[in-house]
C-alpha atoms as a PDB file:
ATOM      1  CA  VAL A   1      -7.569 -28.116  15.859  1.00  0.00           C
ATOM      2  CA  VAL A   2      -9.897 -25.477  16.580  1.00  0.00           C
ATOM      3  CA  LYS A   3      -9.734 -25.131  20.595  1.00  0.00           C
ATOM      4  CA  ALA A   4     -12.848 -24.788  22.955  1.00  0.00           C
ATOM      5  CA  ILE A   5     -13.637 -21.395  23.638  1.00  0.00           C
ATOM      6  CA  MET A   6     -13.462 -21.612  27.694  1.00  0.00           C
ATOM      7  CA  SER A   7     -15.663 -19.490  30.187  1.00  0.00           C
ATOM      8  CA  CYS A   8     -14.048 -17.354  33.000  1.00  0.00           C
ATOM      9  CA  GLY A   9     -16.059 -16.614  36.186  1.00  0.00           C
ATOM     10  CA  VAL A  10     -17.401 -18.046  39.526  1.00  0.00           C
ATOM     11  CA  TYR A  11     -18.998 -21.203  39.831  1.00  0.00           C
ATOM     12  CA  ALA A  12     -20.868 -23.577  42.402  1.00  0.00           C
ATOM     13  CA  ILE A  13     -20.884 -27.000  42.651  1.00  0.00           C
ATOM     14  CA  ILE A  14     -24.921 -27.399  44.591  1.00  0.00           C
ATOM     15  CA  ASN A  15     -26.408 -30.132  46.694  1.00  0.00           C
ATOM     16  CA  VAL A  16     -29.472 -29.738  45.563  1.00  0.00           C
ATOM     17  CA  LEU A  17     -30.908 -32.006  48.739  1.00  0.00           C
ATOM     18  CA  THR A  18     -29.292 -30.007  51.364  1.00  0.00           C
ATOM     19  CA  GLU A  19     -28.529 -26.814  49.640  1.00  0.00           C
ATOM     20  CA  ILE A  20     -24.549 -26.313  50.709  1.00  0.00           C
ATOM     21  CA  MET A  21     -22.671 -25.876  47.709  1.00  0.00           C
ATOM     22  CA  TYR A  22     -18.866 -25.311  47.056  1.00  0.00           C
ATOM     23  CA  VAL A  23     -18.185 -21.925  45.591  1.00  0.00           C
ATOM     24  CA  GLY A  24     -14.797 -21.595  43.467  1.00  0.00           C
ATOM     25  CA  SER A  25     -13.707 -19.779  40.322  1.00  0.00           C
ATOM     26  CA  SER A  26     -11.456 -20.436  37.162  1.00  0.00           C
ATOM     27  CA  VAL A  27     -10.407 -19.294  33.843  1.00  0.00           C
ATOM     28  CA  GLU A  28     -11.376 -22.593  32.384  1.00  0.00           C
ATOM     29  CA  ILE A  29     -14.506 -23.193  34.301  1.00  0.00           C
ATOM     30  CA  GLU A  30     -15.883 -26.312  32.231  1.00  0.00           C
ATOM     31  CA  ASN A  31     -12.313 -27.884  32.579  1.00  0.00           C
ATOM     32  CA  ARG A  32     -12.518 -27.018  35.952  1.00  0.00           C
ATOM     33  CA  TRP A  33     -15.652 -29.589  36.458  1.00  0.00           C
ATOM     34  CA  TYR A  34     -14.999 -31.953  33.309  1.00  0.00           C
ATOM     35  CA  GLY A  35     -10.878 -31.724  33.254  1.00  0.00           C
ATOM     36  CA  SER A  36      -8.977 -34.925  33.686  1.00  0.00           C
ATOM     37  CA  GLN A  37      -7.995 -33.142  37.308  1.00  0.00           C
ATOM     38  CA  GLY A  38     -11.655 -31.222  37.343  1.00  0.00           C
ATOM     39  CA  HIS A  39     -13.821 -32.114  40.228  1.00  0.00           C
ATOM     40  CA  PHE A  40     -16.545 -34.360  38.843  1.00  0.00           C
ATOM     41  CA  THR A  41     -13.719 -36.778  37.947  1.00  0.00           C
ATOM     42  CA  LEU A  42     -11.998 -36.580  41.146  1.00  0.00           C
ATOM     43  CA  LEU A  43     -15.040 -37.001  43.037  1.00  0.00           C
ATOM     44  CA  LEU A  44     -16.186 -39.588  40.786  1.00  0.00           C
ATOM     45  CA  LYS A  45     -12.719 -41.515  41.549  1.00  0.00           C
ATOM     46  CA  GLY A  46     -12.931 -39.939  45.501  1.00  0.00           C
ATOM     47  CA  ASP A  47     -10.151 -38.812  45.453  1.00  0.00           C
ATOM     48  CA  HIS A  48     -10.875 -35.007  45.663  1.00  0.00           C
ATOM     49  CA  ASP A  49      -8.761 -32.699  48.062  1.00  0.00           C
ATOM     50  CA  ASN A  50     -12.141 -31.296  49.901  1.00  0.00           C
ATOM     51  CA  SER A  51     -12.827 -34.299  51.967  1.00  0.00           C
ATOM     52  CA  TYR A  52     -16.150 -32.134  53.282  1.00  0.00           C
ATOM     53  CA  LEU A  53     -17.778 -32.442  49.422  1.00  0.00           C
ATOM     54  CA  GLN A  54     -15.730 -35.694  49.257  1.00  0.00           C
ATOM     55  CA  ALA A  55     -17.746 -37.517  51.567  1.00  0.00           C
ATOM     56  CA  ALA A  56     -21.628 -35.517  50.898  1.00  0.00           C
ATOM     57  CA  PHE A  57     -20.726 -36.754  47.460  1.00  0.00           C
ATOM     58  CA  ASN A  58     -20.475 -40.363  48.514  1.00  0.00           C
ATOM     59  CA  LYS A  59     -23.385 -40.119  50.699  1.00  0.00           C
ATOM     60  CA  TYR A  60     -25.904 -38.328  48.538  1.00  0.00           C
ATOM     61  CA  GLY A  61     -24.697 -39.692  45.191  1.00  0.00           C
ATOM     62  CA  GLU A  62     -23.592 -37.989  41.797  1.00  0.00           C
ATOM     63  CA  GLU A  63     -27.613 -37.342  41.021  1.00  0.00           C
ATOM     64  CA  ALA A  64     -27.976 -34.714  43.938  1.00  0.00           C
ATOM     65  CA  PHE A  65     -25.380 -32.401  42.931  1.00  0.00           C
ATOM     66  CA  THR A  66     -25.776 -29.559  39.804  1.00  0.00           C
ATOM     67  CA  PHE A  67     -22.761 -27.638  38.844  1.00  0.00           C
ATOM     68  CA  GLU A  68     -23.605 -23.790  37.956  1.00  0.00           C
ATOM     69  CA  ILE A  69     -21.815 -20.969  36.318  1.00  0.00           C
ATOM     70  CA  LEU A  70     -22.524 -17.706  39.288  1.00  0.00           C
ATOM     71  CA  GLU A  71     -20.849 -15.140  36.920  1.00  0.00           C
ATOM     72  CA  LEU A  72     -18.595 -14.503  34.115  1.00  0.00           C
ATOM     73  CA  THR A  73     -15.784 -12.315  34.796  1.00  0.00           C
ATOM     74  CA  SER A  74     -12.024 -10.801  33.580  1.00  0.00           C
ATOM     75  CA  LYS A  75      -9.365 -13.493  33.439  1.00  0.00           C
ATOM     76  CA  ASN A  76      -7.650 -10.611  35.636  1.00  0.00           C
ATOM     77  CA  LYS A  77      -7.058 -12.959  39.047  1.00  0.00           C
ATOM     78  CA  LYS A  78      -7.453 -10.672  41.388  1.00  0.00           C
ATOM     79  CA  LYS A  79     -11.022  -9.109  40.114  1.00  0.00           C
ATOM     80  CA  ARG A  80     -11.727 -13.156  39.385  1.00  0.00           C
ATOM     81  CA  LEU A  81     -11.186 -13.901  43.525  1.00  0.00           C
ATOM     82  CA  GLU A  82     -13.231 -10.715  44.293  1.00  0.00           C
ATOM     83  CA  ARG A  83     -15.850 -12.005  42.956  1.00  0.00           C
ATOM     84  CA  GLU A  84     -15.728 -15.472  43.985  1.00  0.00           C
ATOM     85  CA  GLN A  85     -15.190 -13.540  47.651  1.00  0.00           C
ATOM     86  CA  TYR A  86     -18.435 -11.941  47.037  1.00  0.00           C
ATOM     87  CA  TRP A  87     -20.211 -15.153  45.983  1.00  0.00           C
ATOM     88  CA  MET A  88     -18.962 -16.697  49.198  1.00  0.00           C
ATOM     89  CA  ASN A  89     -20.016 -14.306  51.831  1.00  0.00           C
ATOM     90  CA  LEU A  90     -23.298 -14.024  49.925  1.00  0.00           C
ATOM     91  CA  VAL A  91     -23.498 -17.952  50.747  1.00  0.00           C
ATOM     92  CA  GLY A  92     -22.130 -18.200  54.377  1.00  0.00           C
ATOM     93  CA  PHE A  93     -19.314 -20.099  54.871  1.00  0.00           C
ATOM     94  CA  GLU A  94     -21.701 -22.049  57.135  1.00  0.00           C
ATOM     95  CA  ASN A  95     -23.640 -23.068  54.084  1.00  0.00           C
ATOM     96  CA  LEU A  96     -20.332 -24.059  52.019  1.00  0.00           C
ATOM     97  CA  TYR A  97     -18.433 -27.329  51.507  1.00  0.00           C
ATOM     98  CA  ASN A  98     -15.348 -24.513  50.872  1.00  0.00           C
ATOM     99  CA  ILE A  99     -12.390 -25.423  53.823  1.00  0.00           C
ATOM    100  CA  SER A 100     -11.457 -21.727  53.646  1.00  0.00           C
ATOM    101  CA  PRO A 101     -13.568 -19.201  53.982  1.00  0.00           C
ATOM    102  CA  ILE A 102     -10.926 -16.771  51.992  1.00  0.00           C
ATOM    103  CA  ALA A 103     -11.660 -16.981  47.959  1.00  0.00           C
ATOM    104  CA  GLY A 104      -8.951 -19.001  46.364  1.00  0.00           C
ATOM    105  CA  GLY A 105      -7.898 -20.625  49.771  1.00  0.00           C
ATOM    106  CA  GLY A 106      -5.799 -17.986  51.122  1.00  0.00           C
ATOM    107  CA  TYR A 107      -5.376 -16.947  54.621  1.00  0.00           C
ATOM    108  CA  THR A 108      -5.628 -13.493  55.744  1.00  0.00           C
ATOM    109  CA  GLY A 109      -6.259 -13.851  59.342  1.00  0.00           C
ATOM    110  CA  PRO A 110      -7.513 -14.105  62.043  1.00  0.00           C
ATOM    111  CA  PHE A 111     -10.314 -16.083  61.988  1.00  0.00           C
ATOM    112  CA  SER A 112     -12.846 -16.337  64.311  1.00  0.00           C
ATOM    113  CA  GLU A 113     -13.525 -19.215  66.796  1.00  0.00           C
ATOM    114  CA  GLU A 114     -16.175 -20.816  64.760  1.00  0.00           C
ATOM    115  CA  VAL A 115     -14.256 -20.657  61.943  1.00  0.00           C
ATOM    116  CA  LEU A 116     -11.037 -22.204  62.788  1.00  0.00           C
ATOM    117  CA  GLU A 117     -13.432 -24.956  64.763  1.00  0.00           C
ATOM    118  CA  LYS A 118     -15.059 -25.674  61.451  1.00  0.00           C
ATOM    119  CA  ILE A 119     -11.380 -25.738  59.605  1.00  0.00           C
ATOM    120  CA  SER A 120      -9.509 -27.629  62.302  1.00  0.00           C
ATOM    121  CA  GLU A 121     -12.828 -30.189  62.006  1.00  0.00           C
ATOM    122  CA  LYS A 122     -12.181 -30.576  58.258  1.00  0.00           C
ATOM    123  CA  ALA A 123      -8.572 -31.400  58.222  1.00  0.00           C
ATOM    124  CA  LYS A 124      -8.944 -34.030  60.630  1.00  0.00           C
ATOM    125  CA  ASN A 125     -11.740 -35.728  58.948  1.00  0.00           C
ATOM    126  CA  PHE A 126      -9.345 -35.175  55.433  1.00  0.00           C
ATOM    127  CA  TYR A 127      -6.748 -37.212  57.298  1.00  0.00           C
ATOM    128  CA  GLN A 128      -9.303 -39.835  58.140  1.00  0.00           C
ATOM    129  CA  THR A 129      -9.664 -40.505  54.714  1.00  0.00           C
ATOM    130  CA  GLU A 130      -7.894 -43.201  52.798  1.00  0.00           C
ATOM    131  CA  LYS A 131      -6.032 -40.465  50.203  1.00  0.00           C
ATOM    132  CA  GLY A 132      -5.492 -38.357  53.901  1.00  0.00           C
ATOM    133  CA  LYS A 133      -3.614 -41.363  55.502  1.00  0.00           C
ATOM    134  CA  GLU A 134      -1.695 -42.020  52.119  1.00  0.00           C
ATOM    135  CA  LYS A 135      -0.513 -37.673  52.344  1.00  0.00           C
ATOM    136  CA  ARG A 136       0.232 -38.560  56.217  1.00  0.00           C
ATOM    137  CA  LYS A 137       2.842 -41.390  55.388  1.00  0.00           C
ATOM    138  CA  ARG A 138       4.561 -39.707  52.619  1.00  0.00           C
ATOM    139  CA  LEU A 139       5.268 -36.776  54.813  1.00  0.00           C
ATOM    140  CA  SER A 140       6.415 -39.287  57.736  1.00  0.00           C
ATOM    141  CA  GLU A 141       8.977 -40.912  55.356  1.00  0.00           C
ATOM    142  CA  PHE A 142       9.957 -37.352  53.885  1.00  0.00           C
ATOM    143  CA  MET A 143      10.744 -36.110  57.365  1.00  0.00           C
ATOM    144  CA  LYS A 144      12.488 -39.567  58.495  1.00  0.00           C
ATOM    145  CA  GLY A 145      16.588 -38.295  58.392  1.00  0.00           C
ATOM    146  CA  LYS A 146      15.665 -35.005  59.322  1.00  0.00           C
ATOM    147  CA  GLN A 147      17.423 -33.312  62.042  1.00  0.00           C
ATOM    148  CA  ASN A 148      15.273 -31.691  64.197  1.00  0.00           C
ATOM    149  CA  GLY A 149      16.363 -27.854  64.917  1.00  0.00           C
ATOM    150  CA  LYS A 150      18.889 -27.952  62.654  1.00  0.00           C
ATOM    151  CA  GLY A 151      16.263 -27.829  59.586  1.00  0.00           C
ATOM    152  CA  CYS A 152      18.119 -30.449  57.420  1.00  0.00           C
ATOM    153  CA  LYS A 153      20.156 -33.614  57.345  1.00  0.00           C
ATOM    154  CA  HIS A 154      22.956 -31.907  55.150  1.00  0.00           C
ATOM    155  CA  PRO A 155      24.963 -29.539  57.298  1.00  0.00           C
ATOM    156  CA  HIS A 156      26.407 -26.305  55.743  1.00  0.00           C
ATOM    157  CA  PRO A 157      29.689 -26.896  54.127  1.00  0.00           C
ATOM    158  CA  GLU A 158      32.970 -25.041  55.785  1.00  0.00           C
ATOM    159  CA  GLU A 159      32.982 -22.456  53.060  1.00  0.00           C
ATOM    160  CA  THR A 160      29.386 -21.576  54.174  1.00  0.00           C
ATOM    161  CA  LYS A 161      30.052 -21.659  57.670  1.00  0.00           C
ATOM    162  CA  ARG A 162      32.862 -19.243  57.297  1.00  0.00           C
ATOM    163  CA  ARG A 163      30.557 -16.716  55.194  1.00  0.00           C
ATOM    164  CA  ILE A 164      27.521 -16.787  58.063  1.00  0.00           C
ATOM    165  CA  LYS A 165      30.904 -16.115  60.694  1.00  0.00           C
ATOM    166  CA  GLU A 166      32.415 -13.690  59.070  1.00  0.00           C
ATOM    167  CA  THR A 167      28.609 -11.994  58.476  1.00  0.00           C
ATOM    168  CA  TRP A 168      27.659 -11.859  62.038  1.00  0.00           C
ATOM    169  CA  ARG A 169      30.969 -10.090  62.505  1.00  0.00           C
ATOM    170  CA  ASP A 170      29.409  -6.671  60.690  1.00  0.00           C
ATOM    171  CA  PRO A 171      28.371  -4.538  63.372  1.00  0.00           C
ATOM    172  CA  GLU A 172      25.569  -2.736  60.877  1.00  0.00           C
ATOM    173  CA  LEU A 173      24.065  -6.061  60.925  1.00  0.00           C
ATOM    174  CA  ARG A 174      24.118  -7.092  64.538  1.00  0.00           C
ATOM    175  CA  ALA A 175      22.864  -3.408  64.961  1.00  0.00           C
ATOM    176  CA  ARG A 176      19.757  -4.085  62.900  1.00  0.00           C
ATOM    177  CA  GLU A 177      18.941  -7.869  64.292  1.00  0.00           C
ATOM    178  CA  SER A 178      18.651  -6.066  67.623  1.00  0.00           C
ATOM    179  CA  GLU A 179      16.854  -3.271  66.323  1.00  0.00           C
ATOM    180  CA  ARG A 180      14.471  -6.070  64.728  1.00  0.00           C
ATOM    181  CA  ASN A 181      13.500  -8.047  68.074  1.00  0.00           C
ATOM    182  CA  LYS A 182      13.266  -4.995  70.009  1.00  0.00           C
ATOM    183  CA  GLY A 183       9.462  -3.781  71.297  1.00  0.00           C
ATOM    184  CA  GLU A 184       6.652  -5.016  69.504  1.00  0.00           C
ATOM    185  CA  ASN A 185       8.828  -6.911  66.761  1.00  0.00           C
ATOM    186  CA  ASN A 186       9.712  -9.054  69.400  1.00  0.00           C
ATOM    187  CA  PRO A 187       7.665 -11.955  68.869  1.00  0.00           C
ATOM    188  CA  MET A 188       7.209 -12.594  73.190  1.00  0.00           C
ATOM    189  CA  PHE A 189       6.009  -8.930  73.070  1.00  0.00           C
ATOM    190  CA  GLY A 190       3.371  -8.550  75.649  1.00  0.00           C
ATOM    191  CA  LYS A 191       3.385 -11.660  76.420  1.00  0.00           C
ATOM    192  CA  HIS A 192       4.281 -13.952  79.412  1.00  0.00           C
ATOM    193  CA  HIS A 193       5.001 -17.721  79.852  1.00  0.00           C
ATOM    194  CA  SER A 194       2.687 -19.083  82.259  1.00  0.00           C
ATOM    195  CA  GLU A 195       3.734 -20.778  85.563  1.00  0.00           C
ATOM    196  CA  VAL A 196       3.618 -24.187  84.255  1.00  0.00           C
ATOM    197  CA  ALA A 197       5.880 -23.154  81.605  1.00  0.00           C
ATOM    198  CA  ARG A 198       8.266 -21.733  83.753  1.00  0.00           C
ATOM    199  CA  LYS A 199       8.425 -24.604  86.471  1.00  0.00           C
ATOM    200  CA  LYS A 200       8.881 -26.950  83.273  1.00  0.00           C
ATOM    201  CA  GLN A 201      12.086 -24.943  81.918  1.00  0.00           C
ATOM    202  CA  SER A 202      13.069 -24.571  85.900  1.00  0.00           C
ATOM    203  CA  GLY A 203      13.249 -28.290  86.057  1.00  0.00           C
ATOM    204  CA  LYS A 204      15.004 -29.063  82.891  1.00  0.00           C
ATOM    205  CA  ASN A 205      17.754 -26.166  83.708  1.00  0.00           C
ATOM    206  CA  LYS A 206      17.760 -27.408  87.367  1.00  0.00           C
ATOM    207  CA  GLY A 207      21.560 -29.177  87.383  1.00  0.00           C
ATOM    208  CA  HIS A 208      22.730 -28.172  84.400  1.00  0.00           C
ATOM    209  CA  ILE A 209      25.661 -25.857  83.808  1.00  0.00           C
ATOM    210  CA  ALA A 210      24.995 -23.164  80.832  1.00  0.00           C
ATOM    211  CA  TRP A 211      27.388 -23.822  78.142  1.00  0.00           C
ATOM    212  CA  ASN A 212      28.423 -20.297  77.938  1.00  0.00           C
ATOM    213  CA  LYS A 213      28.951 -19.530  81.542  1.00  0.00           C
ATOM    214  CA  GLY A 214      31.912 -16.807  81.746  1.00  0.00           C
ATOM    215  CA  LEU A 215      32.507 -16.405  78.618  1.00  0.00           C
ATOM    216  CA  THR A 216      31.535 -13.336  76.377  1.00  0.00           C
ATOM    217  CA  LYS A 217      31.324 -12.721  72.622  1.00  0.00           C
ATOM    218  CA  GLU A 218      34.738 -11.672  72.196  1.00  0.00           C
ATOM    219  CA  SER A 219      36.421 -14.573  74.330  1.00  0.00           C
ATOM    220  CA  ASP A 220      35.358 -17.627  72.797  1.00  0.00           C
ATOM    221  CA  GLU A 221      34.344 -18.709  69.659  1.00  0.00           C
ATOM    222  CA  ARG A 222      31.425 -20.737  70.122  1.00  0.00           C
ATOM    223  CA  VAL A 223      29.131 -17.933  71.210  1.00  0.00           C
ATOM    224  CA  SER A 224      29.644 -16.481  67.515  1.00  0.00           C
ATOM    225  CA  LYS A 225      29.101 -19.762  66.034  1.00  0.00           C
ATOM    226  CA  TYR A 226      26.185 -20.230  67.702  1.00  0.00           C
ATOM    227  CA  ILE A 227      24.900 -16.767  67.196  1.00  0.00           C
ATOM    228  CA  ALA A 228      25.526 -17.012  63.017  1.00  0.00           C
ATOM    229  CA  SER A 229      23.910 -20.277  63.363  1.00  0.00           C
ATOM    230  CA  ARG A 230      20.818 -18.419  64.806  1.00  0.00           C
ATOM    231  CA  ILE A 231      20.625 -15.492  62.029  1.00  0.00           C
ATOM    232  CA  ALA A 232      21.108 -18.055  59.389  1.00  0.00           C
ATOM    233  CA  LYS A 233      18.467 -20.576  60.956  1.00  0.00           C
ATOM    234  CA  ARG A 234      15.851 -17.470  60.518  1.00  0.00           C
ATOM    235  CA  ARG A 235      16.835 -15.766  57.446  1.00  0.00           C
ATOM    236  CA  LYS A 236      16.017 -19.657  56.318  1.00  0.00           C
ATOM    237  CA  THR A 237      12.687 -19.546  58.127  1.00  0.00           C
ATOM    238  CA  GLU A 238      11.936 -16.222  56.435  1.00  0.00           C
ATOM    239  CA  CYS A 239      12.715 -17.521  52.808  1.00  0.00           C
ATOM    240  CA  LEU A 240      10.267 -20.453  53.309  1.00  0.00           C
ATOM    241  CA  VAL A 241       7.697 -18.302  54.320  1.00  0.00           C
END
């Protein structure tokens, strides 16, 4: 069996009536259009991830769209995405069906207010579609049973808790964690809570005695457990980024 030679490069799905287009890139351009999970196949099924492109395809019909290869490139991903970005910039984000202004859908932020508004609008439109509603339902089912603030419904085994606790007793670790949150590294650096937020928090705290009132890190085990849990949660978050 001889495998067909696929083109590698940047392509565009163009609405010939409005001249708005979707720009993308692939190492197998033809397959990206006609394959079982290609743009054309998904658009015909009404199952495309891009709600803007799908809505336009539904409105104007198959005949209004043409698939064009804009440029052939090497298979090097970085160079391919650079050329995709070039074409996206050339066309202008306002003339694209692309949800993200960054080639490959990546985020390099910060985005302008105009771009953020367009991304938000596209996301809202997606969740109004049948596919979006189904995705929201799956997310809802997935999150059931989760414990807010604890990350998951499965608590740490006692051995894991013990190791975390022992780790936090290391003075070098304490010093590193302290340095990480000083100055510009602190997420609240240069920021201030609004008066409304302060009053709201004050109202929530009135009448409640702080759980650690009168305690020190050396005198009560609960303090070290709390600190250890905060460190574990932060590390877990960093691993997911």
